[in-house]
Amino acid sequence: MRAIREKRLIEFTYKSSAVRIAEPHDYNIQNGIERLLAFQLSENRTHTERGWRDLHLADIRNLRVLEQRFAGSRGDSNQKHRNWDVLFARVS
């Protein structure tokens, strides 16, 4: 939640894939699963495009909050914020 509150980039591995860098936007629960909605900035073997990722927290490893900040909410029509069952934090 610190990364969302402070609008800091995060670095992590997901499902044993390459390291990813992303903007964390929503930390939530949906259908009983803790999730992170993030805008991925880095490219890797599986996802070669930047864009929104709905990530299961249980599959995130080696999470680091980076010093680099991002502007905040992307506020575009493609933003993927949803109505979650429980919302712990959302970037403003």
PDB file of N, CA and C in Angstrom:
ATOM      1  N   MET A   1       0.822  -1.191   0.000  1.00  0.00           N
ATOM      2  CA  MET A   1       0.000   0.000   0.000  1.00  0.00           C
ATOM      3  C   MET A   1       0.868   1.258   0.000  1.00  0.00           C
ATOM      4  N   ARG A   2       2.069   1.160   0.523  1.00  0.00           N
ATOM      5  CA  ARG A   2       2.969   2.312   0.526  1.00  0.00           C
ATOM      6  C   ARG A   2       3.247   2.781  -0.901  1.00  0.00           C
ATOM      7  N   ALA A   3       3.490   1.830  -1.805  1.00  0.00           N
ATOM      8  CA  ALA A   3       3.791   2.185  -3.190  1.00  0.00           C
ATOM      9  C   ALA A   3       2.624   2.927  -3.837  1.00  0.00           C
ATOM     10  N   ILE A   4       1.404   2.529  -3.523  1.00  0.00           N
ATOM     11  CA  ILE A   4       0.222   3.218  -4.058  1.00  0.00           C
ATOM     12  C   ILE A   4       0.106   4.600  -3.428  1.00  0.00           C
ATOM     13  N   ARG A   5       0.206   4.663  -2.125  1.00  0.00           N
ATOM     14  CA  ARG A   5       0.063   5.940  -1.402  1.00  0.00           C
ATOM     15  C   ARG A   5       1.105   6.958  -1.854  1.00  0.00           C
ATOM     16  N   GLU A   6       2.354   6.486  -2.045  1.00  0.00           N
ATOM     17  CA  GLU A   6       3.444   7.386  -2.417  1.00  0.00           C
ATOM     18  C   GLU A   6       3.664   7.477  -3.928  1.00  0.00           C
ATOM     19  N   LYS A   7       2.850   6.763  -4.702  1.00  0.00           N
ATOM     20  CA  LYS A   7       2.945   6.746  -6.175  1.00  0.00           C
ATOM     21  C   LYS A   7       4.356   6.401  -6.621  1.00  0.00           C
ATOM     22  N   ARG A   8       4.822   5.237  -6.143  1.00  0.00           N
ATOM     23  CA  ARG A   8       6.163   4.757  -6.491  1.00  0.00           C
ATOM     24  C   ARG A   8       6.053   3.514  -7.372  1.00  0.00           C
ATOM     25  N   LEU A   9       6.973   3.400  -8.316  1.00  0.00           N
ATOM     26  CA  LEU A   9       7.026   2.214  -9.156  1.00  0.00           C
ATOM     27  C   LEU A   9       7.402   0.999  -8.317  1.00  0.00           C
ATOM     28  N   ILE A  10       6.982  -0.176  -8.775  1.00  0.00           N
ATOM     29  CA  ILE A  10       7.363  -1.427  -8.122  1.00  0.00           C
ATOM     30  C   ILE A  10       8.071  -2.323  -9.132  1.00  0.00           C
ATOM     31  N   GLU A  11       8.922  -3.180  -8.598  1.00  0.00           N
ATOM     32  CA  GLU A  11       9.637  -4.173  -9.395  1.00  0.00           C
ATOM     33  C   GLU A  11       9.353  -5.527  -8.758  1.00  0.00           C
ATOM     34  N   PHE A  12       9.081  -6.537  -9.576  1.00  0.00           N
ATOM     35  CA  PHE A  12       8.706  -7.850  -9.043  1.00  0.00           C
ATOM     36  C   PHE A  12       8.805  -8.903 -10.130  1.00  0.00           C
ATOM     37  N   THR A  13       8.770 -10.161  -9.709  1.00  0.00           N
ATOM     38  CA  THR A  13       8.597 -11.263 -10.650  1.00  0.00           C
ATOM     39  C   THR A  13       7.183 -11.788 -10.451  1.00  0.00           C
ATOM     40  N   TYR A  14       6.617 -12.297 -11.518  1.00  0.00           N
ATOM     41  CA  TYR A  14       5.241 -12.797 -11.483  1.00  0.00           C
ATOM     42  C   TYR A  14       5.193 -14.171 -12.130  1.00  0.00           C
ATOM     43  N   LYS A  15       4.726 -15.136 -11.386  1.00  0.00           N
ATOM     44  CA  LYS A  15       4.636 -16.518 -11.869  1.00  0.00           C
ATOM     45  C   LYS A  15       5.950 -16.994 -12.470  1.00  0.00           C
ATOM     46  N   SER A  16       7.044 -16.707 -11.803  1.00  0.00           N
ATOM     47  CA  SER A  16       8.382 -17.164 -12.205  1.00  0.00           C
ATOM     48  C   SER A  16       8.841 -16.609 -13.549  1.00  0.00           C
ATOM     49  N   SER A  17       8.233 -15.535 -14.024  1.00  0.00           N
ATOM     50  CA  SER A  17       8.684 -14.952 -15.286  1.00  0.00           C
ATOM     51  C   SER A  17       9.748 -13.894 -15.014  1.00  0.00           C
ATOM     52  N   ALA A  18      10.110 -13.180 -16.042  1.00  0.00           N
ATOM     53  CA  ALA A  18      11.132 -12.139 -15.929  1.00  0.00           C
ATOM     54  C   ALA A  18      10.670 -11.025 -15.003  1.00  0.00           C
ATOM     55  N   VAL A  19      11.616 -10.206 -14.590  1.00  0.00           N
ATOM     56  CA  VAL A  19      11.324  -9.072 -13.717  1.00  0.00           C
ATOM     57  C   VAL A  19      10.437  -8.073 -14.454  1.00  0.00           C
ATOM     58  N   ARG A  20       9.458  -7.549 -13.736  1.00  0.00           N
ATOM     59  CA  ARG A  20       8.547  -6.551 -14.293  1.00  0.00           C
ATOM     60  C   ARG A  20       8.660  -5.269 -13.485  1.00  0.00           C
ATOM     61  N   ILE A  21       8.384  -4.164 -14.134  1.00  0.00           N
ATOM     62  CA  ILE A  21       8.277  -2.873 -13.464  1.00  0.00           C
ATOM     63  C   ILE A  21       6.906  -2.318 -13.801  1.00  0.00           C
ATOM     64  N   ALA A  22       6.213  -1.807 -12.770  1.00  0.00           N
ATOM     65  CA  ALA A  22       4.843  -1.366 -12.985  1.00  0.00           C
ATOM     66  C   ALA A  22       4.457  -0.245 -12.033  1.00  0.00           C
ATOM     67  N   GLU A  23       3.392   0.449 -12.411  1.00  0.00           N
ATOM     68  CA  GLU A  23       2.741   1.432 -11.549  1.00  0.00           C
ATOM     69  C   GLU A  23       1.610   0.705 -10.815  1.00  0.00           C
ATOM     70  N   PRO A  24       1.639   0.621  -9.496  1.00  0.00           N
ATOM     71  CA  PRO A  24       0.530  -0.019  -8.773  1.00  0.00           C
ATOM     72  C   PRO A  24      -0.652   0.944  -8.661  1.00  0.00           C
ATOM     73  N   HIS A  25      -1.851   0.498  -8.991  1.00  0.00           N
ATOM     74  CA  HIS A  25      -3.015   1.391  -8.978  1.00  0.00           C
ATOM     75  C   HIS A  25      -4.086   0.979  -7.973  1.00  0.00           C
ATOM     76  N   ASP A  26      -4.491  -0.284  -7.942  1.00  0.00           N
ATOM     77  CA  ASP A  26      -5.514  -0.748  -6.998  1.00  0.00           C
ATOM     78  C   ASP A  26      -5.015  -1.987  -6.266  1.00  0.00           C
ATOM     79  N   TYR A  27      -5.145  -1.991  -4.950  1.00  0.00           N
ATOM     80  CA  TYR A  27      -4.895  -3.182  -4.137  1.00  0.00           C
ATOM     81  C   TYR A  27      -6.254  -3.572  -3.598  1.00  0.00           C
ATOM     82  N   ASN A  28      -6.718  -4.812  -3.906  1.00  0.00           N
ATOM     83  CA  ASN A  28      -8.115  -5.156  -3.670  1.00  0.00           C
ATOM     84  C   ASN A  28      -8.322  -6.648  -3.479  1.00  0.00           C
ATOM     85  N   ILE A  29      -9.565  -6.987  -3.188  1.00  0.00           N
ATOM     86  CA  ILE A  29     -10.009  -8.384  -3.185  1.00  0.00           C
ATOM     87  C   ILE A  29     -11.192  -8.487  -4.134  1.00  0.00           C
ATOM     88  N   GLN A  30     -11.153  -9.507  -4.985  1.00  0.00           N
ATOM     89  CA  GLN A  30     -12.297  -9.816  -5.837  1.00  0.00           C
ATOM     90  C   GLN A  30     -12.436 -11.323  -5.894  1.00  0.00           C
ATOM     91  N   ASN A  31     -13.636 -11.800  -5.647  1.00  0.00           N
ATOM     92  CA  ASN A  31     -13.919 -13.235  -5.615  1.00  0.00           C
ATOM     93  C   ASN A  31     -13.000 -13.971  -4.639  1.00  0.00           C
ATOM     94  N   GLY A  32     -12.701 -13.328  -3.501  1.00  0.00           N
ATOM     95  CA  GLY A  32     -11.898 -13.945  -2.460  1.00  0.00           C
ATOM     96  C   GLY A  32     -10.405 -13.972  -2.726  1.00  0.00           C
ATOM     97  N   ILE A  33      -9.947 -13.330  -3.799  1.00  0.00           N
ATOM     98  CA  ILE A  33      -8.529 -13.352  -4.170  1.00  0.00           C
ATOM     99  C   ILE A  33      -7.952 -11.950  -4.040  1.00  0.00           C
ATOM    100  N   GLU A  34      -6.811 -11.846  -3.312  1.00  0.00           N
ATOM    101  CA  GLU A  34      -6.109 -10.563  -3.228  1.00  0.00           C
ATOM    102  C   GLU A  34      -5.466 -10.273  -4.578  1.00  0.00           C
ATOM    103  N   ARG A  35      -5.675  -9.048  -5.068  1.00  0.00           N
ATOM    104  CA  ARG A  35      -5.187  -8.675  -6.396  1.00  0.00           C
ATOM    105  C   ARG A  35      -4.512  -7.316  -6.372  1.00  0.00           C
ATOM    106  N   LEU A  36      -3.728  -7.101  -7.392  1.00  0.00           N
ATOM    107  CA  LEU A  36      -3.133  -5.797  -7.627  1.00  0.00           C
ATOM    108  C   LEU A  36      -3.392  -5.441  -9.079  1.00  0.00           C
ATOM    109  N   LEU A  37      -4.029  -4.307  -9.294  1.00  0.00           N
ATOM    110  CA  LEU A  37      -4.189  -3.782 -10.644  1.00  0.00           C
ATOM    111  C   LEU A  37      -3.021  -2.836 -10.881  1.00  0.00           C
ATOM    112  N   ALA A  38      -2.229  -3.122 -11.906  1.00  0.00           N
ATOM    113  CA  ALA A  38      -1.020  -2.340 -12.157  1.00  0.00           C
ATOM    114  C   ALA A  38      -0.892  -2.045 -13.643  1.00  0.00           C
ATOM    115  N   PHE A  39      -0.227  -0.939 -13.946  1.00  0.00           N
ATOM    116  CA  PHE A  39       0.093  -0.618 -15.327  1.00  0.00           C
ATOM    117  C   PHE A  39       1.539  -1.012 -15.548  1.00  0.00           C
ATOM    118  N   GLN A  40       1.754  -2.069 -16.333  1.00  0.00           N
ATOM    119  CA  GLN A  40       3.093  -2.605 -16.569  1.00  0.00           C
ATOM    120  C   GLN A  40       3.853  -1.713 -17.546  1.00  0.00           C
ATOM    121  N   LEU A  41       5.067  -1.363 -17.159  1.00  0.00           N
ATOM    122  CA  LEU A  41       5.921  -0.515 -17.992  1.00  0.00           C
ATOM    123  C   LEU A  41       6.995  -1.305 -18.719  1.00  0.00           C
ATOM    124  N   SER A  42       7.437  -2.404 -18.128  1.00  0.00           N
ATOM    125  CA  SER A  42       8.541  -3.179 -18.696  1.00  0.00           C
ATOM    126  C   SER A  42       8.013  -4.254 -19.632  1.00  0.00           C
ATOM    127  N   GLU A  43       8.903  -4.738 -20.452  1.00  0.00           N
ATOM    128  CA  GLU A  43       8.575  -5.836 -21.356  1.00  0.00           C
ATOM    129  C   GLU A  43       9.215  -7.103 -20.842  1.00  0.00           C
ATOM    130  N   ASN A  44       8.578  -8.241 -21.112  1.00  0.00           N
ATOM    131  CA  ASN A  44       9.171  -9.526 -20.751  1.00  0.00           C
ATOM    132  C   ASN A  44       8.785 -10.558 -21.793  1.00  0.00           C
ATOM    133  N   ARG A  45       9.154 -11.812 -21.569  1.00  0.00           N
ATOM    134  CA  ARG A  45       8.893 -12.868 -22.563  1.00  0.00           C
ATOM    135  C   ARG A  45       7.414 -13.010 -22.891  1.00  0.00           C
ATOM    136  N   THR A  46       6.553 -12.876 -21.897  1.00  0.00           N
ATOM    137  CA  THR A  46       5.138 -13.150 -22.079  1.00  0.00           C
ATOM    138  C   THR A  46       4.350 -11.923 -22.518  1.00  0.00           C
ATOM    139  N   HIS A  47       4.613 -10.809 -21.893  1.00  0.00           N
ATOM    140  CA  HIS A  47       3.880  -9.581 -22.192  1.00  0.00           C
ATOM    141  C   HIS A  47       4.847  -8.569 -22.783  1.00  0.00           C
ATOM    142  N   THR A  48       4.813  -8.410 -24.081  1.00  0.00           N
ATOM    143  CA  THR A  48       5.740  -7.495 -24.735  1.00  0.00           C
ATOM    144  C   THR A  48       5.159  -6.096 -24.863  1.00  0.00           C
ATOM    145  N   GLU A  49       3.932  -5.894 -24.425  1.00  0.00           N
ATOM    146  CA  GLU A  49       3.316  -4.585 -24.507  1.00  0.00           C
ATOM    147  C   GLU A  49       3.141  -3.987 -23.124  1.00  0.00           C
ATOM    148  N   ARG A  50       3.265  -2.680 -23.075  1.00  0.00           N
ATOM    149  CA  ARG A  50       2.919  -1.966 -21.859  1.00  0.00           C
ATOM    150  C   ARG A  50       1.402  -2.034 -21.723  1.00  0.00           C
ATOM    151  N   GLY A  51       0.933  -2.017 -20.483  1.00  0.00           N
ATOM    152  CA  GLY A  51      -0.516  -1.987 -20.324  1.00  0.00           C
ATOM    153  C   GLY A  51      -0.974  -2.502 -18.979  1.00  0.00           C
ATOM    154  N   TRP A  52      -2.276  -2.540 -18.818  1.00  0.00           N
ATOM    155  CA  TRP A  52      -2.906  -2.935 -17.560  1.00  0.00           C
ATOM    156  C   TRP A  52      -2.759  -4.419 -17.322  1.00  0.00           C
ATOM    157  N   ARG A  53      -2.448  -4.776 -16.068  1.00  0.00           N
ATOM    158  CA  ARG A  53      -2.354  -6.178 -15.650  1.00  0.00           C
ATOM    159  C   ARG A  53      -3.123  -6.344 -14.343  1.00  0.00           C
ATOM    160  N   ASP A  54      -3.954  -7.372 -14.289  1.00  0.00           N
ATOM    161  CA  ASP A  54      -4.684  -7.739 -13.080  1.00  0.00           C
ATOM    162  C   ASP A  54      -3.929  -8.923 -12.486  1.00  0.00           C
ATOM    163  N   LEU A  55      -3.193  -8.686 -11.414  1.00  0.00           N
ATOM    164  CA  LEU A  55      -2.254  -9.666 -10.873  1.00  0.00           C
ATOM    165  C   LEU A  55      -2.747 -10.263  -9.560  1.00  0.00           C
ATOM    166  N   HIS A  56      -2.588 -11.570  -9.392  1.00  0.00           N
ATOM    167  CA  HIS A  56      -2.884 -12.219  -8.121  1.00  0.00           C
ATOM    168  C   HIS A  56      -1.692 -12.003  -7.195  1.00  0.00           C
ATOM    169  N   LEU A  57      -1.939 -11.471  -6.017  1.00  0.00           N
ATOM    170  CA  LEU A  57      -0.850 -11.185  -5.080  1.00  0.00           C
ATOM    171  C   LEU A  57      -0.053 -12.442  -4.719  1.00  0.00           C
ATOM    172  N   ALA A  58      -0.707 -13.578  -4.642  1.00  0.00           N
ATOM    173  CA  ALA A  58      -0.026 -14.823  -4.274  1.00  0.00           C
ATOM    174  C   ALA A  58       1.039 -15.226  -5.292  1.00  0.00           C
ATOM    175  N   ASP A  59       0.956 -14.710  -6.516  1.00  0.00           N
ATOM    176  CA  ASP A  59       1.909 -15.057  -7.565  1.00  0.00           C
ATOM    177  C   ASP A  59       3.031 -14.033  -7.725  1.00  0.00           C
ATOM    178  N   ILE A  60       3.022 -12.980  -6.908  1.00  0.00           N
ATOM    179  CA  ILE A  60       4.055 -11.946  -6.960  1.00  0.00           C
ATOM    180  C   ILE A  60       5.187 -12.322  -6.012  1.00  0.00           C
ATOM    181  N   ARG A  61       6.411 -12.260  -6.513  1.00  0.00           N
ATOM    182  CA  ARG A  61       7.602 -12.579  -5.715  1.00  0.00           C
ATOM    183  C   ARG A  61       8.609 -11.433  -5.823  1.00  0.00           C
ATOM    184  N   ASN A  62       9.455 -11.329  -4.809  1.00  0.00           N
ATOM    185  CA  ASN A  62      10.567 -10.378  -4.819  1.00  0.00           C
ATOM    186  C   ASN A  62      10.110  -8.945  -5.101  1.00  0.00           C
ATOM    187  N   LEU A  63       9.035  -8.540  -4.485  1.00  0.00           N
ATOM    188  CA  LEU A  63       8.495  -7.195  -4.685  1.00  0.00           C
ATOM    189  C   LEU A  63       9.396  -6.154  -4.027  1.00  0.00           C
ATOM    190  N   ARG A  64       9.751  -5.132  -4.794  1.00  0.00           N
ATOM    191  CA  ARG A  64      10.536  -4.007  -4.271  1.00  0.00           C
ATOM    192  C   ARG A  64       9.834  -2.714  -4.649  1.00  0.00           C
ATOM    193  N   VAL A  65       9.724  -1.809  -3.698  1.00  0.00           N
ATOM    194  CA  VAL A  65       9.215  -0.477  -3.975  1.00  0.00           C
ATOM    195  C   VAL A  65      10.420   0.364  -4.398  1.00  0.00           C
ATOM    196  N   LEU A  66      10.332   0.957  -5.578  1.00  0.00           N
ATOM    197  CA  LEU A  66      11.440   1.731  -6.122  1.00  0.00           C
ATOM    198  C   LEU A  66      11.350   3.200  -5.704  1.00  0.00           C
ATOM    199  N   GLU A  67      12.437   3.901  -5.810  1.00  0.00           N
ATOM    200  CA  GLU A  67      12.460   5.326  -5.473  1.00  0.00           C
ATOM    201  C   GLU A  67      11.717   6.162  -6.512  1.00  0.00           C
ATOM    202  N   GLN A  68      11.698   5.699  -7.755  1.00  0.00           N
ATOM    203  CA  GLN A  68      11.076   6.464  -8.844  1.00  0.00           C
ATOM    204  C   GLN A  68       9.564   6.556  -8.655  1.00  0.00           C
ATOM    205  N   ARG A  69       9.035   7.760  -8.819  1.00  0.00           N
ATOM    206  CA  ARG A  69       7.594   7.998  -8.682  1.00  0.00           C
ATOM    207  C   ARG A  69       6.929   8.063 -10.048  1.00  0.00           C
ATOM    208  N   PHE A  70       5.596   7.906 -10.043  1.00  0.00           N
ATOM    209  CA  PHE A  70       4.819   8.101 -11.259  1.00  0.00           C
ATOM    210  C   PHE A  70       3.739   9.136 -10.970  1.00  0.00           C
ATOM    211  N   ALA A  71       3.118   9.666 -12.018  1.00  0.00           N
ATOM    212  CA  ALA A  71       2.225  10.823 -11.900  1.00  0.00           C
ATOM    213  C   ALA A  71       0.950  10.532 -11.102  1.00  0.00           C
ATOM    214  N   GLY A  72       0.477   9.309 -11.124  1.00  0.00           N
ATOM    215  CA  GLY A  72      -0.774   8.972 -10.430  1.00  0.00           C
ATOM    216  C   GLY A  72      -1.745   8.326 -11.388  1.00  0.00           C
ATOM    217  N   SER A  73      -3.027   8.542 -11.144  1.00  0.00           N
ATOM    218  CA  SER A  73      -4.063   7.927 -11.964  1.00  0.00           C
ATOM    219  C   SER A  73      -3.865   8.280 -13.434  1.00  0.00           C
ATOM    220  N   ARG A  74      -4.021   7.302 -14.285  1.00  0.00           N
ATOM    221  CA  ARG A  74      -3.861   7.532 -15.715  1.00  0.00           C
ATOM    222  C   ARG A  74      -5.079   8.258 -16.287  1.00  0.00           C
ATOM    223  N   GLY A  75      -6.243   8.123 -15.654  1.00  0.00           N
ATOM    224  CA  GLY A  75      -7.420   8.903 -16.013  1.00  0.00           C
ATOM    225  C   GLY A  75      -7.850   8.823 -17.460  1.00  0.00           C
ATOM    226  N   ASP A  76      -7.480   7.763 -18.155  1.00  0.00           N
ATOM    227  CA  ASP A  76      -7.894   7.647 -19.552  1.00  0.00           C
ATOM    228  C   ASP A  76      -9.067   6.688 -19.682  1.00  0.00           C
ATOM    229  N   SER A  77      -9.667   6.660 -20.854  1.00  0.00           N
ATOM    230  CA  SER A  77     -10.844   5.817 -21.065  1.00  0.00           C
ATOM    231  C   SER A  77     -10.509   4.337 -21.017  1.00  0.00           C
ATOM    232  N   ASN A  78      -9.242   3.976 -21.123  1.00  0.00           N
ATOM    233  CA  ASN A  78      -8.826   2.576 -21.059  1.00  0.00           C
ATOM    234  C   ASN A  78      -8.468   2.133 -19.656  1.00  0.00           C
ATOM    235  N   GLN A  79      -8.616   3.013 -18.687  1.00  0.00           N
ATOM    236  CA  GLN A  79      -8.269   2.665 -17.312  1.00  0.00           C
ATOM    237  C   GLN A  79      -9.159   1.511 -16.855  1.00  0.00           C
ATOM    238  N   LYS A  80      -8.579   0.558 -16.188  1.00  0.00           N
ATOM    239  CA  LYS A  80      -9.288  -0.682 -15.876  1.00  0.00           C
ATOM    240  C   LYS A  80      -9.787  -0.765 -14.436  1.00  0.00           C
ATOM    241  N   HIS A  81      -9.901   0.362 -13.738  1.00  0.00           N
ATOM    242  CA  HIS A  81     -10.441   0.296 -12.376  1.00  0.00           C
ATOM    243  C   HIS A  81     -11.810  -0.357 -12.422  1.00  0.00           C
ATOM    244  N   ARG A  82     -12.079  -1.167 -11.429  1.00  0.00           N
ATOM    245  CA  ARG A  82     -13.350  -1.889 -11.376  1.00  0.00           C
ATOM    246  C   ARG A  82     -13.984  -1.673 -10.013  1.00  0.00           C
ATOM    247  N   ASN A  83     -15.170  -2.186  -9.863  1.00  0.00           N
ATOM    248  CA  ASN A  83     -15.802  -2.223  -8.548  1.00  0.00           C
ATOM    249  C   ASN A  83     -15.385  -3.527  -7.902  1.00  0.00           C
ATOM    250  N   TRP A  84     -14.442  -3.448  -6.969  1.00  0.00           N
ATOM    251  CA  TRP A  84     -13.910  -4.621  -6.294  1.00  0.00           C
ATOM    252  C   TRP A  84     -14.811  -4.989  -5.116  1.00  0.00           C
ATOM    253  N   ASP A  85     -14.712  -6.235  -4.655  1.00  0.00           N
ATOM    254  CA  ASP A  85     -15.435  -6.642  -3.439  1.00  0.00           C
ATOM    255  C   ASP A  85     -14.923  -5.856  -2.254  1.00  0.00           C
ATOM    256  N   VAL A  86     -13.599  -5.708  -2.152  1.00  0.00           N
ATOM    257  CA  VAL A  86     -12.965  -4.904  -1.100  1.00  0.00           C
ATOM    258  C   VAL A  86     -11.837  -4.122  -1.756  1.00  0.00           C
ATOM    259  N   LEU A  87     -11.780  -2.836  -1.516  1.00  0.00           N
ATOM    260  CA  LEU A  87     -10.698  -1.994  -2.039  1.00  0.00           C
ATOM    261  C   LEU A  87      -9.892  -1.471  -0.865  1.00  0.00           C
ATOM    262  N   PHE A  88      -8.620  -1.867  -0.797  1.00  0.00           N
ATOM    263  CA  PHE A  88      -7.741  -1.427   0.292  1.00  0.00           C
ATOM    264  C   PHE A  88      -7.072  -0.095  -0.035  1.00  0.00           C
ATOM    265  N   ALA A  89      -6.667   0.076  -1.295  1.00  0.00           N
ATOM    266  CA  ALA A  89      -5.967   1.301  -1.673  1.00  0.00           C
ATOM    267  C   ALA A  89      -6.138   1.537  -3.164  1.00  0.00           C
ATOM    268  N   ARG A  90      -6.255   2.807  -3.553  1.00  0.00           N
ATOM    269  CA  ARG A  90      -6.336   3.203  -4.964  1.00  0.00           C
ATOM    270  C   ARG A  90      -5.507   4.459  -5.149  1.00  0.00           C
ATOM    271  N   VAL A  91      -4.723   4.480  -6.208  1.00  0.00           N
ATOM    272  CA  VAL A  91      -3.904   5.657  -6.494  1.00  0.00           C
ATOM    273  C   VAL A  91      -4.824   6.822  -6.876  1.00  0.00           C
ATOM    274  N   SER A  92      -4.421   8.001  -6.474  1.00  0.00           N
ATOM    275  CA  SER A  92      -5.249   9.179  -6.817  1.00  0.00           C
ATOM    276  C   SER A  92      -4.599   9.965  -7.926  1.00  0.00           C
TER     277      SER A  92
END
